[in-house]
C-alpha atoms as a PDB file:
ATOM      1  CA  MET A   1     -51.139  -8.882  20.320  1.00  0.00           C
ATOM      2  CA  ASN A   2     -50.442  -6.480  23.141  1.00  0.00           C
ATOM      3  CA  PRO A   3     -49.640  -2.917  21.881  1.00  0.00           C
ATOM      4  CA  TYR A   4     -46.671  -2.670  24.241  1.00  0.00           C
ATOM      5  CA  GLU A   5     -45.274  -5.926  22.879  1.00  0.00           C
ATOM      6  CA  LEU A   6     -45.670  -4.616  19.309  1.00  0.00           C
ATOM      7  CA  GLU A   7     -43.850  -1.415  20.249  1.00  0.00           C
ATOM      8  CA  ARG A   8     -41.009  -3.397  21.875  1.00  0.00           C
ATOM      9  CA  LEU A   9     -40.676  -5.633  18.802  1.00  0.00           C
ATOM     10  CA  ALA A  10     -40.670  -2.604  16.489  1.00  0.00           C
ATOM     11  CA  LYS A  11     -37.937  -0.916  18.564  1.00  0.00           C
ATOM     12  CA  GLN A  12     -35.926  -4.137  18.628  1.00  0.00           C
ATOM     13  CA  HIS A  13     -36.251  -4.515  14.861  1.00  0.00           C
ATOM     14  CA  THR A  14     -35.259  -0.859  14.314  1.00  0.00           C
ATOM     15  CA  GLY A  15     -32.223  -1.354  16.547  1.00  0.00           C
ATOM     16  CA  ASP A  16     -31.235  -4.487  14.646  1.00  0.00           C
ATOM     17  CA  LEU A  17     -31.485  -2.604  11.351  1.00  0.00           C
ATOM     18  CA  ARG A  18     -29.373   0.275  12.698  1.00  0.00           C
ATOM     19  CA  ASN A  19     -26.711  -2.139  13.993  1.00  0.00           C
ATOM     20  CA  ALA A  20     -26.562  -3.916  10.639  1.00  0.00           C
ATOM     21  CA  ALA A  21     -26.275  -0.599   8.791  1.00  0.00           C
ATOM     22  CA  ALA A  22     -23.481   0.533  11.125  1.00  0.00           C
ATOM     23  CA  ALA A  23     -21.594  -2.719  10.541  1.00  0.00           C
ATOM     24  CA  ARG A  24     -21.941  -2.345   6.761  1.00  0.00           C
ATOM     25  CA  HIS A  25     -20.787   1.282   6.962  1.00  0.00           C
ATOM     26  CA  GLN A  26     -17.736   0.336   9.036  1.00  0.00           C
ATOM     27  CA  ALA A  27     -16.833  -2.483   6.618  1.00  0.00           C
ATOM     28  CA  ALA A  28     -17.152  -0.103   3.665  1.00  0.00           C
ATOM     29  CA  ARG A  29     -14.842   2.429   5.350  1.00  0.00           C
ATOM     30  CA  HIS A  30     -12.322  -0.344   6.039  1.00  0.00           C
ATOM     31  CA  ARG A  31     -12.415  -1.482   2.384  1.00  0.00           C
ATOM     32  CA  ALA A  32     -11.960   2.114   1.200  1.00  0.00           C
ATOM     33  CA  ALA A  33      -8.935   2.560   3.464  1.00  0.00           C
ATOM     34  CA  ALA A  34      -7.421  -0.726   2.256  1.00  0.00           C
ATOM     35  CA  THR A  35      -7.917   0.286  -1.379  1.00  0.00           C
ATOM     36  CA  ARG A  36      -6.323   3.671  -0.721  1.00  0.00           C
ATOM     37  CA  HIS A  37      -3.366   1.955   0.980  1.00  0.00           C
ATOM     38  CA  ASP A  38      -2.859  -0.429  -1.965  1.00  0.00           C
ATOM     39  CA  ARG A  39      -2.982   2.450  -4.448  1.00  0.00           C
ATOM     40  CA  ASP A  40      -0.428   4.459  -2.419  1.00  0.00           C
ATOM     41  CA  ARG A  41       1.844   1.454  -2.079  1.00  0.00           C
ATOM     42  CA  SER A  42       1.639   0.904  -5.818  1.00  0.00           C
ATOM     43  CA  ILE A  43       2.708   4.493  -6.510  1.00  0.00           C
ATOM     44  CA  ARG A  44       5.589   4.204  -4.027  1.00  0.00           C
ATOM     45  CA  HIS A  45       6.574   0.893  -5.584  1.00  0.00           C
ATOM     46  CA  ARG A  46       6.681   2.326  -9.117  1.00  0.00           C
ATOM     47  CA  THR A  47       8.518   5.434  -7.935  1.00  0.00           C
ATOM     48  CA  GLY A  48      11.096   3.310  -6.140  1.00  0.00           C
ATOM     49  CA  TRP A  49      11.794   1.215  -9.202  1.00  0.00           C
ATOM     50  CA  ALA A  50      12.033   4.341 -11.357  1.00  0.00           C
ATOM     51  CA  LEU A  51      14.687   5.679  -8.960  1.00  0.00           C
ATOM     52  CA  VAL A  52      16.570   2.385  -9.141  1.00  0.00           C
ATOM     53  CA  GLN A  53      16.570   2.553 -12.934  1.00  0.00           C
ATOM     54  CA  ILE A  54      17.777   6.163 -12.863  1.00  0.00           C
ATOM     55  CA  GLY A  55      20.553   5.190 -10.458  1.00  0.00           C
ATOM     56  CA  LEU A  56      21.642   2.286 -12.634  1.00  0.00           C
ATOM     57  CA  SER A  57      21.642   4.549 -15.701  1.00  0.00           C
ATOM     58  CA  LEU A  58      23.809   7.082 -13.886  1.00  0.00           C
ATOM     59  CA  ILE A  59      26.246   4.384 -12.795  1.00  0.00           C
ATOM     60  CA  SER A  60      26.540   2.826 -16.225  1.00  0.00           C
ATOM     61  CA  SER A  61      26.982   6.166 -18.015  1.00  0.00           C
ATOM     62  CA  SER A  62      29.238   7.943 -15.533  1.00  0.00           C
ATOM     63  CA  ALA A  63      32.055  10.344 -16.375  1.00  0.00           C
ATOM     64  CA  ASN A  64      34.461   7.384 -16.638  1.00  0.00           C
ATOM     65  CA  GLY A  65      32.679   6.218 -19.769  1.00  0.00           C
ATOM     66  CA  PRO A  66      29.922   3.752 -20.547  1.00  0.00           C
ATOM     67  CA  GLY A  67      30.164   0.592 -18.481  1.00  0.00           C
ATOM     68  CA  LYS A  68      32.935   1.955 -16.263  1.00  0.00           C
ATOM     69  CA  GLY A  69      30.874   3.494 -13.500  1.00  0.00           C
ATOM     70  CA  THR A  70      31.670   3.234  -9.810  1.00  0.00           C
ATOM     71  CA  ALA A  71      29.965  -0.129  -9.626  1.00  0.00           C
ATOM     72  CA  MET A  72      32.576  -1.501 -12.045  1.00  0.00           C
ATOM     73  CA  LEU A  73      35.670  -0.279 -10.173  1.00  0.00           C
ATOM     74  CA  PRO A  74      37.936  -3.159  -9.067  1.00  0.00           C
ATOM     75  CA  SER A  75      38.227  -1.794  -5.519  1.00  0.00           C
ATOM     76  CA  LEU A  76      34.465  -1.902  -5.083  1.00  0.00           C
ATOM     77  CA  SER A  77      33.982  -5.256  -6.789  1.00  0.00           C
ATOM     78  CA  GLY A  78      36.429  -6.851  -4.324  1.00  0.00           C
ATOM     79  CA  ALA A  79      34.410  -5.424  -1.457  1.00  0.00           C
ATOM     80  CA  ARG A  80      31.229  -6.939  -2.882  1.00  0.00           C
ATOM     81  CA  THR A  81      32.699 -10.422  -3.254  1.00  0.00           C
ATOM     82  CA  GLY A  82      34.464 -10.339   0.107  1.00  0.00           C
ATOM     83  CA  ARG A  83      38.027 -10.407  -1.255  1.00  0.00           C
END
């Protein structure tokens, strides 16, 4: 086989290998970013629900007594039901 043809094939093969490696590297970076996003969303999700639970605890144990928080006031319950 012609030496120039062998050199061209070797360069083509090297280029193909580099392109494949770059594609794998880019896919790995994308997966890492997606994993990081899911983990952050999970932390925000748990933090949000913890704040909701704290808020509900504060409402149910307000200064008016247990079960008589602002969410239980008749004026606010009428607003919720549309009366």
